[in-house]
Amino acid sequence: MNSLTPDYCSRALALWPRLERGRLVRVRHDPHRVAALVSRRTNLDHDAILELLGAPSERAEELERDH
């Protein structure tokens, strides 16, 4: 993993410390999968979780593709 790539697992654990670490380890490099795991524990929507993790949301990625 590139040293400039954020560790979404660590960020998720900092925000939601009771998350299952085993599952996070399996999805740690994919922010969308981390967000899916977190979404089971919170009422926040997927894009809000991605923003808290510091990852680009799906809407932001769509806007980049349009321009």
N, C-alpha and C. Protein backbone atom coordinates (compact mmCIF):
# COMPACT_ATOMS: atom_id res chain seq x y z
N MET A 1 0.84 -1.17 0.00
CA MET A 1 0.00 0.00 0.00
C MET A 1 0.89 1.24 0.00
N ASN A 2 0.53 2.20 -0.76
CA ASN A 2 1.25 3.47 -0.86
C ASN A 2 1.16 4.20 0.47
N SER A 3 2.25 4.81 0.90
CA SER A 3 2.27 5.52 2.18
C SER A 3 1.37 6.76 2.16
N LEU A 4 1.00 7.23 0.98
CA LEU A 4 0.12 8.39 0.87
C LEU A 4 -1.35 8.01 0.90
N THR A 5 -1.64 6.73 0.79
CA THR A 5 -3.02 6.26 0.80
C THR A 5 -3.52 6.21 2.24
N PRO A 6 -4.67 6.81 2.52
CA PRO A 6 -5.17 6.81 3.89
C PRO A 6 -5.52 5.39 4.35
N ASP A 7 -5.35 5.16 5.63
CA ASP A 7 -5.73 3.88 6.23
C ASP A 7 -7.16 4.03 6.76
N TYR A 8 -8.11 3.63 5.95
CA TYR A 8 -9.51 3.79 6.31
C TYR A 8 -9.89 2.97 7.52
N CYS A 9 -9.20 1.88 7.75
CA CYS A 9 -9.46 1.03 8.91
C CYS A 9 -9.17 1.80 10.19
N SER A 10 -8.03 2.45 10.27
CA SER A 10 -7.66 3.21 11.47
C SER A 10 -8.63 4.36 11.70
N ARG A 11 -9.01 5.03 10.65
CA ARG A 11 -9.95 6.14 10.78
C ARG A 11 -11.31 5.63 11.27
N ALA A 12 -11.75 4.52 10.72
CA ALA A 12 -13.05 3.96 11.13
C ALA A 12 -13.01 3.56 12.60
N LEU A 13 -11.91 2.95 13.03
CA LEU A 13 -11.79 2.55 14.44
C LEU A 13 -11.72 3.76 15.37
N ALA A 14 -11.12 4.84 14.90
CA ALA A 14 -11.07 6.05 15.72
C ALA A 14 -12.46 6.65 15.91
N LEU A 15 -13.28 6.56 14.87
CA LEU A 15 -14.63 7.13 14.93
C LEU A 15 -15.65 6.17 15.54
N TRP A 16 -15.49 4.88 15.27
CA TRP A 16 -16.41 3.86 15.75
C TRP A 16 -15.59 2.73 16.39
N PRO A 17 -15.13 2.92 17.62
CA PRO A 17 -14.18 1.98 18.24
C PRO A 17 -14.73 0.58 18.48
N ARG A 18 -16.02 0.39 18.42
CA ARG A 18 -16.58 -0.93 18.68
C ARG A 18 -16.78 -1.76 17.42
N LEU A 19 -16.27 -1.29 16.30
CA LEU A 19 -16.37 -2.06 15.05
C LEU A 19 -15.58 -3.36 15.17
N GLU A 20 -15.98 -4.35 14.41
CA GLU A 20 -15.30 -5.64 14.43
C GLU A 20 -13.99 -5.52 13.65
N ARG A 21 -12.89 -5.66 14.36
CA ARG A 21 -11.56 -5.48 13.76
C ARG A 21 -11.27 -6.52 12.68
N GLY A 22 -11.73 -7.72 12.86
CA GLY A 22 -11.48 -8.77 11.86
C GLY A 22 -12.08 -8.43 10.52
N ARG A 23 -13.29 -7.92 10.54
CA ARG A 23 -13.93 -7.53 9.28
C ARG A 23 -13.26 -6.31 8.67
N LEU A 24 -12.86 -5.37 9.51
CA LEU A 24 -12.18 -4.18 8.99
C LEU A 24 -10.86 -4.53 8.32
N VAL A 25 -10.14 -5.47 8.88
CA VAL A 25 -8.86 -5.86 8.29
C VAL A 25 -9.06 -6.37 6.86
N ARG A 26 -10.15 -7.09 6.64
CA ARG A 26 -10.40 -7.64 5.31
C ARG A 26 -10.77 -6.59 4.28
N VAL A 27 -11.31 -5.45 4.72
CA VAL A 27 -11.78 -4.43 3.77
C VAL A 27 -11.02 -3.12 3.88
N ARG A 28 -9.91 -3.07 4.62
CA ARG A 28 -9.25 -1.82 5.01
C ARG A 28 -8.83 -0.92 3.85
N HIS A 29 -8.56 -1.45 2.69
CA HIS A 29 -8.08 -0.61 1.58
C HIS A 29 -9.20 -0.11 0.67
N ASP A 30 -10.42 -0.55 0.92
CA ASP A 30 -11.54 -0.14 0.08
C ASP A 30 -12.50 0.72 0.92
N PRO A 31 -12.49 2.03 0.71
CA PRO A 31 -13.32 2.90 1.56
C PRO A 31 -14.81 2.61 1.43
N HIS A 32 -15.26 2.15 0.27
CA HIS A 32 -16.69 1.86 0.10
C HIS A 32 -17.09 0.64 0.90
N ARG A 33 -16.22 -0.35 1.00
CA ARG A 33 -16.52 -1.53 1.81
C ARG A 33 -16.45 -1.21 3.29
N VAL A 34 -15.52 -0.33 3.69
CA VAL A 34 -15.45 0.11 5.08
C VAL A 34 -16.74 0.86 5.42
N ALA A 35 -17.19 1.73 4.53
CA ALA A 35 -18.43 2.49 4.75
C ALA A 35 -19.63 1.56 4.86
N ALA A 36 -19.65 0.51 4.05
CA ALA A 36 -20.75 -0.46 4.12
C ALA A 36 -20.76 -1.15 5.49
N LEU A 37 -19.59 -1.48 5.98
CA LEU A 37 -19.50 -2.12 7.29
C LEU A 37 -19.94 -1.15 8.39
N VAL A 38 -19.51 0.09 8.32
CA VAL A 38 -19.87 1.09 9.32
C VAL A 38 -21.37 1.39 9.26
N SER A 39 -21.95 1.38 8.07
CA SER A 39 -23.36 1.76 7.91
C SER A 39 -24.30 0.83 8.68
N ARG A 40 -23.82 -0.34 9.04
CA ARG A 40 -24.64 -1.26 9.85
C ARG A 40 -24.74 -0.80 11.30
N ARG A 41 -23.85 0.11 11.69
CA ARG A 41 -23.76 0.57 13.08
C ARG A 41 -24.26 1.99 13.30
N THR A 42 -24.60 2.71 12.24
CA THR A 42 -24.95 4.12 12.39
C THR A 42 -26.11 4.46 11.45
N ASN A 43 -26.73 5.59 11.72
CA ASN A 43 -27.81 6.07 10.86
C ASN A 43 -27.31 6.97 9.74
N LEU A 44 -26.01 7.23 9.71
CA LEU A 44 -25.43 8.07 8.65
C LEU A 44 -25.54 7.38 7.30
N ASP A 45 -25.72 8.18 6.25
CA ASP A 45 -25.76 7.58 4.92
C ASP A 45 -24.33 7.28 4.43
N HIS A 46 -24.24 6.53 3.36
CA HIS A 46 -22.98 6.04 2.82
C HIS A 46 -22.01 7.19 2.51
N ASP A 47 -22.51 8.25 1.87
CA ASP A 47 -21.66 9.38 1.50
C ASP A 47 -21.14 10.12 2.73
N ALA A 48 -21.95 10.24 3.77
CA ALA A 48 -21.51 10.90 4.99
C ALA A 48 -20.39 10.11 5.66
N ILE A 49 -20.52 8.80 5.66
CA ILE A 49 -19.48 7.94 6.24
C ILE A 49 -18.19 8.09 5.45
N LEU A 50 -18.29 8.10 4.13
CA LEU A 50 -17.10 8.28 3.29
C LEU A 50 -16.42 9.61 3.59
N GLU A 51 -17.20 10.66 3.77
CA GLU A 51 -16.61 11.97 4.10
C GLU A 51 -15.89 11.93 5.43
N LEU A 52 -16.49 11.27 6.43
CA LEU A 52 -15.84 11.17 7.74
C LEU A 52 -14.55 10.35 7.66
N LEU A 53 -14.52 9.38 6.75
CA LEU A 53 -13.32 8.57 6.57
C LEU A 53 -12.25 9.29 5.76
N GLY A 54 -12.63 10.40 5.12
CA GLY A 54 -11.68 11.14 4.30
C GLY A 54 -11.57 10.60 2.89
N ALA A 55 -12.56 9.84 2.47
CA ALA A 55 -12.57 9.25 1.13
C ALA A 55 -13.52 10.05 0.24
N PRO A 56 -13.26 10.05 -1.06
CA PRO A 56 -14.20 10.72 -1.97
C PRO A 56 -15.53 9.98 -2.00
N SER A 57 -16.62 10.73 -1.97
CA SER A 57 -17.93 10.10 -2.03
C SER A 57 -18.25 9.69 -3.46
N GLU A 58 -19.27 8.88 -3.61
CA GLU A 58 -19.67 8.45 -4.95
C GLU A 58 -20.14 9.63 -5.77
N ARG A 59 -20.81 10.59 -5.12
CA ARG A 59 -21.27 11.78 -5.84
C ARG A 59 -20.10 12.61 -6.34
N ALA A 60 -19.07 12.73 -5.53
CA ALA A 60 -17.89 13.50 -5.94
C ALA A 60 -17.19 12.82 -7.11
N GLU A 61 -17.13 11.49 -7.09
CA GLU A 61 -16.50 10.77 -8.19
C GLU A 61 -17.31 10.93 -9.48
N GLU A 62 -18.65 10.94 -9.37
CA GLU A 62 -19.49 11.15 -10.54
C GLU A 62 -19.27 12.53 -11.12
N LEU A 63 -19.16 13.54 -10.26
CA LEU A 63 -18.95 14.90 -10.74
C LEU A 63 -17.60 15.03 -11.45
N GLU A 64 -16.58 14.35 -10.94
CA GLU A 64 -15.27 14.39 -11.59
C GLU A 64 -15.32 13.76 -12.97
N ARG A 65 -16.09 12.69 -13.12
CA ARG A 65 -16.19 12.02 -14.42
C ARG A 65 -16.96 12.86 -15.41
N ASP A 66 -17.92 13.66 -14.93
CA ASP A 66 -18.72 14.49 -15.82
C ASP A 66 -17.92 15.67 -16.38
N HIS A 67 -16.89 16.10 -15.69
CA HIS A 67 -16.12 17.28 -16.12
C HIS A 67 -14.82 16.89 -16.73
